[in-house]
Protein backbone atom coordinates (compact mmCIF):
# COMPACT_ATOMS: atom_id res chain seq x y z
CA MET A 1 0.00 0.00 0.00
CA GLY A 2 3.02 2.27 0.23
CA ASP A 3 3.24 5.04 2.80
CA PRO A 4 -0.17 5.20 4.55
CA ALA A 5 0.17 8.97 4.82
CA GLY A 6 0.70 9.26 1.07
CA ILE A 7 -1.27 8.73 -2.13
CA GLY A 8 -0.90 4.94 -2.29
CA ALA A 9 -4.31 4.09 -0.81
CA GLU A 10 -6.14 6.45 -3.16
CA ILE A 11 -4.26 5.13 -6.19
CA ILE A 12 -5.14 1.56 -5.23
CA VAL A 13 -8.83 2.33 -4.74
CA LYS A 14 -9.06 4.09 -8.12
CA ALA A 15 -7.05 1.42 -9.94
CA LEU A 16 -9.00 -1.51 -8.57
CA ALA A 17 -12.30 0.17 -9.39
CA ASN A 18 -11.50 -0.80 -13.00
CA HIS A 19 -13.09 -4.20 -13.52
CA GLN A 20 -10.63 -5.03 -16.33
CA VAL A 21 -7.88 -5.43 -13.75
CA TYR A 22 -9.57 -8.60 -12.52
CA GLU A 23 -9.48 -10.11 -16.00
CA SER A 24 -5.68 -10.32 -15.92
CA CYS A 25 -4.82 -10.86 -12.24
CA ARG A 26 -6.14 -11.40 -8.72
CA PRO A 27 -5.11 -8.22 -6.86
CA LEU A 28 -4.35 -8.45 -3.16
CA VAL A 29 -3.43 -5.37 -1.13
CA ILE A 30 -0.94 -5.59 1.73
CA GLY A 31 -1.66 -2.69 4.04
CA ASP A 32 -4.38 -1.24 6.24
CA ALA A 33 -8.06 -1.94 5.54
CA ALA A 34 -9.29 1.10 7.48
CA ARG A 35 -6.99 3.36 5.45
CA LEU A 36 -8.33 1.95 2.21
CA THR A 37 -11.88 2.54 3.45
CA GLU A 38 -10.99 6.15 4.24
CA ALA A 39 -9.38 6.56 0.81
CA ALA A 40 -12.52 5.19 -0.86
CA LYS A 41 -14.56 7.87 0.89
CA ILE A 42 -12.11 10.58 -0.17
CA VAL A 43 -12.41 9.64 -3.86
CA ASN A 44 -16.16 8.92 -3.61
CA SER A 45 -15.77 5.29 -4.59
CA PRO A 46 -18.46 2.73 -3.72
CA ILE A 47 -15.88 -0.08 -3.69
CA GLU A 48 -15.84 -2.30 -0.60
CA ILE A 49 -12.81 -3.36 1.43
CA ASN A 50 -12.50 -7.00 2.46
CA PRO A 51 -9.94 -7.61 5.26
CA VAL A 52 -8.34 -11.07 4.94
CA SER A 53 -5.73 -12.98 6.90
CA ASP A 54 -3.82 -14.33 3.90
CA SER A 55 -3.92 -14.68 0.12
CA ALA A 56 -5.94 -17.91 0.22
CA ASN A 57 -8.94 -16.13 1.76
CA GLY A 58 -9.43 -13.46 -0.87
CA ALA A 59 -12.66 -13.19 -2.88
CA TYR A 60 -10.93 -11.61 -5.89
CA ARG A 61 -13.98 -10.11 -7.56
CA PRO A 62 -14.72 -6.67 -9.00
CA GLY A 63 -16.20 -4.17 -6.58
CA LEU A 64 -14.29 -5.63 -3.64
CA ILE A 65 -10.69 -5.00 -2.58
CA ASP A 66 -9.07 -7.87 -0.67
CA CYS A 67 -6.57 -6.55 1.88
CA VAL A 68 -4.19 -8.42 4.14
CA ASP A 69 -4.80 -6.04 7.03
CA LEU A 70 -1.68 -5.54 9.17
CA GLY A 71 -3.42 -2.93 11.34
CA LEU A 72 -0.26 -0.94 12.02
CA ILE A 73 -1.46 2.67 12.02
CA GLN A 74 -3.69 4.79 14.23
CA HIS A 75 -6.95 6.14 12.83
CA ASP A 76 -5.79 9.73 13.34
CA LEU A 77 -2.62 9.40 11.19
CA ARG A 78 -2.64 12.50 9.02
CA PHE A 79 -2.31 12.38 5.24
CA GLY A 80 0.60 14.33 3.78
CA VAL A 81 2.67 14.35 6.97
CA VAL A 82 6.01 12.53 7.20
CA SER A 83 6.22 10.40 10.34
CA PRO A 84 8.16 7.42 11.72
CA ALA A 85 4.86 5.57 12.22
CA ALA A 86 4.01 5.84 8.53
CA GLY A 87 7.56 4.88 7.56
CA GLU A 88 7.46 1.81 9.79
CA ALA A 89 4.12 0.73 8.33
CA ALA A 90 5.38 1.18 4.76
CA PHE A 91 8.41 -0.99 5.56
CA ARG A 92 6.23 -3.71 7.09
CA TYR A 93 3.90 -3.75 4.08
CA VAL A 94 6.83 -4.42 1.74
CA GLU A 95 8.30 -6.94 4.17
CA LYS A 96 5.02 -8.88 4.25
CA ALA A 97 4.62 -8.76 0.47
CA ALA A 98 8.18 -10.02 -0.03
CA SER A 99 7.65 -12.90 2.38
CA LEU A 100 4.47 -13.93 0.52
CA ALA A 101 6.30 -13.79 -2.80
CA VAL A 102 9.26 -15.83 -1.57
CA ALA A 103 6.82 -18.41 -0.15
CA GLY A 104 5.04 -18.65 -3.50
CA ALA A 105 1.74 -17.39 -2.10
CA ILE A 106 1.70 -14.51 -4.62
CA ASP A 107 3.19 -14.24 -8.10
CA ALA A 108 4.42 -10.64 -8.17
CA ILE A 109 4.62 -7.39 -6.21
CA CYS A 110 3.44 -3.98 -7.40
CA THR A 111 4.59 -1.24 -5.03
CA ALA A 112 2.78 1.99 -4.23
CA PRO A 113 4.86 5.10 -3.40
CA LEU A 114 6.66 5.21 -0.08
CA SER A 115 8.43 8.10 1.62
CA LYS A 116 12.14 7.48 2.01
CA GLU A 117 12.27 10.25 4.61
CA ALA A 118 9.58 8.56 6.69
CA MET A 119 11.16 5.14 6.29
CA HIS A 120 14.55 6.53 7.37
CA ALA A 121 12.89 8.21 10.37
CA ALA A 122 11.63 4.77 11.37
CA GLY A 123 15.19 3.46 11.30
CA HIS A 124 15.11 1.65 7.95
CA ARG A 125 17.97 3.22 6.03
CA PHE A 126 17.32 1.92 2.54
CA PRO A 127 17.72 4.20 -0.50
CA GLY A 128 14.55 2.81 -2.10
CA HIS A 129 12.41 -0.19 -2.97
CA THR A 130 15.18 -1.86 -4.98
CA GLU A 131 17.63 -2.13 -2.10
CA LEU A 132 14.87 -2.97 0.39
CA LEU A 133 13.62 -5.89 -1.70
CA ALA A 134 17.19 -7.11 -2.19
CA TYR A 135 17.66 -7.15 1.58
CA LEU A 136 14.36 -8.90 2.25
CA THR A 137 15.05 -11.62 -0.33
CA GLY A 138 18.71 -12.15 0.58
CA MET A 139 20.08 -11.03 -2.79
CA PRO A 140 23.63 -9.62 -2.62
CA GLU A 141 23.31 -7.73 -5.89
CA VAL A 142 20.28 -6.74 -7.97
CA SER A 143 19.45 -4.46 -10.88
CA MET A 144 16.56 -2.13 -11.59
CA MET A 145 14.86 -2.45 -14.97
CA LEU A 146 12.63 0.21 -16.50
CA ALA A 147 10.30 -1.19 -19.15
CA ALA A 148 8.31 0.28 -22.01
CA PRO A 149 6.99 -1.27 -25.22
CA GLY A 150 10.05 -2.36 -27.21
CA LEU A 151 12.53 -0.82 -24.77
CA ARG A 152 14.14 -1.95 -21.51
CA VAL A 153 16.65 0.08 -19.47
CA VAL A 154 18.72 -1.71 -16.83
CA HIS A 155 20.66 0.46 -14.38
CA VAL A 156 24.21 -0.46 -13.46
CA THR A 157 23.90 1.74 -10.36
CA THR A 158 20.82 3.09 -8.58
CA HIS A 159 19.96 5.66 -5.93
CA ILE A 160 23.45 7.15 -5.64
CA GLY A 161 24.99 10.43 -6.80
CA LEU A 162 26.66 10.80 -10.20
CA ILE A 163 30.20 11.01 -8.82
CA ASP A 164 29.70 7.90 -6.68
CA ALA A 165 28.14 6.07 -9.62
CA ILE A 166 31.13 6.85 -11.83
CA GLU A 167 33.52 5.57 -9.17
CA ARG A 168 31.59 2.31 -8.76
CA ILE A 169 31.35 1.43 -12.44
CA GLU A 170 33.87 -1.15 -13.62
CA PRO A 171 33.75 -3.93 -16.24
CA ALA A 172 32.80 -6.76 -13.86
CA ILE A 173 29.65 -5.09 -12.50
CA VAL A 174 28.67 -4.03 -16.02
CA GLU A 175 28.98 -7.60 -17.29
CA ARG A 176 26.94 -8.94 -14.36
CA THR A 177 24.27 -6.35 -15.10
CA ILE A 178 24.21 -7.36 -18.76
CA ASP A 179 23.82 -11.01 -17.78
CA ARG A 180 20.97 -10.22 -15.36
CA GLY A 181 19.22 -8.09 -17.94
CA HIS A 182 19.53 -10.76 -20.61
CA ALA A 183 18.30 -13.47 -18.24
CA ALA A 184 15.30 -11.29 -17.35
CA LEU A 185 14.43 -10.78 -21.01
CA VAL A 186 14.67 -14.50 -21.76
CA SER A 187 12.51 -15.38 -18.75
CA ALA A 188 9.93 -12.87 -20.03
CA GLY A 189 9.88 -14.61 -23.42
CA ILE A 190 12.13 -12.12 -25.25
CA GLU A 191 14.77 -14.48 -26.62
CA HIS A 192 16.33 -12.16 -29.22
CA SER A 193 17.56 -8.78 -28.07
CA THR A 194 20.31 -6.23 -28.68
CA HIS A 195 22.13 -4.71 -25.71
CA ARG A 196 23.93 -1.37 -25.57
CA CYS A 197 25.89 -0.05 -22.59
CA LEU A 198 27.05 3.42 -21.68
CA ARG A 199 30.58 4.65 -22.04
CA HIS A 200 31.84 7.32 -19.69
CA GLN A 201 35.01 9.34 -20.26
CA SER A 202 36.05 11.66 -17.46
CA ALA A 203 37.63 15.07 -17.90
CA ARG A 204 41.02 13.43 -17.34
CA GLY A 205 40.43 11.16 -20.27
CA ARG A 206 39.93 7.90 -18.39
CA GLU A 207 37.48 5.62 -20.08
CA ARG A 208 35.18 3.63 -17.86
CA THR A 209 32.48 1.31 -19.10
CA LEU A 210 33.59 -0.25 -22.37
CA TRP A 211 31.14 -3.06 -22.96
CA THR A 212 28.68 -3.59 -25.74
CA ARG A 213 27.00 -6.93 -26.14
CA ARG A 214 24.60 -8.18 -28.76
CA ARG A 215 22.92 -11.15 -27.20
CA ARG A 216 21.15 -14.10 -28.73
CA THR A 217 20.14 -17.17 -26.84
CA GLU A 218 22.74 -19.23 -28.61
CA ASN A 219 25.76 -16.92 -28.62
CA SER A 220 27.12 -13.51 -27.70
CA THR A 221 29.81 -11.12 -28.87
CA ARG A 222 31.60 -8.15 -27.33
CA ARG A 223 33.16 -4.99 -28.67
CA ALA A 224 35.58 -2.99 -26.58
CA LYS A 225 34.78 0.51 -27.86
CA LEU A 226 31.61 2.45 -28.53
CA PRO A 227 31.11 5.20 -31.17
CA GLU A 228 31.64 8.89 -30.52
CA THR A 229 29.94 10.60 -27.61
CA ARG A 230 26.16 10.70 -27.99
CA VAL A 231 22.88 9.50 -26.56
CA GLY A 232 20.46 7.43 -28.56
CA CYS A 233 18.58 4.20 -29.00
CA ASN A 234 19.52 1.11 -30.89
CA ARG A 235 16.93 -0.52 -33.15
CA SER A 236 16.72 -4.28 -33.03
CA SER A 237 16.32 -6.47 -36.09
CA THR A 238 12.55 -6.21 -35.65
CA GLY A 239 12.72 -2.44 -36.06
CA ARG A 240 11.70 -1.81 -32.46
CA TYR A 241 13.88 -0.20 -29.82
CA SER A 242 15.44 -2.84 -27.61
CA VAL A 243 17.75 -1.34 -24.99
CA LEU A 244 18.76 2.27 -24.37
CA GLN A 245 22.31 3.27 -25.16
CA SER A 246 23.80 6.34 -23.58
CA TRP A 247 27.32 7.54 -23.03
CA SER A 248 29.07 10.84 -22.40
CA ARG A 249 32.31 12.60 -21.64
């Protein structure tokens, strides 16, 4: 449900009011049933909230939102106000969702916005959802992928400043990121793809990331240098954009 003092509850109520959602999935909210009820009143939605103990007890039908109700917040928690209580609740919602996913009780997680400031105030010093989910699932290294029709962008670094990102980039982490991105595409049914990676050249002339890989399921090739400084997109053999390429100096 995201931060209970934020817009997550309202977004969920509006989104799940669309009956077409239930044609493609069985949505289950991890959060606070009373907060969802309050959000429904705010947006004048007639949708009902159904508190459940676990995913097996959901009704999963239009007009009803099934919610694993953790009951972590007070009724007088104010919207739009950063607080440790809201940050703690947001952390626990993600923690519960991750545990259900790891156990196989749910197939995927869709996160509503959380407040990093509130989460930090509650003592959970994670830069964002990516690092939090990595911690909860015991993954030592993960990548963030942004997806659009015909285009996927996989970050080598996330949630750090530009100078720190430049210092962290080296060939090994870039290659691991390429491998993770390719594996993700294959698992999603995209067997043929073209990968492009950034090249950074500092003011002192040092070249950093030097990898380009065109991947197929049966083989792969590398080239050590990229063209002159520019930002653009590479078209795959199908004519659709596959992976963003960007580099600078």
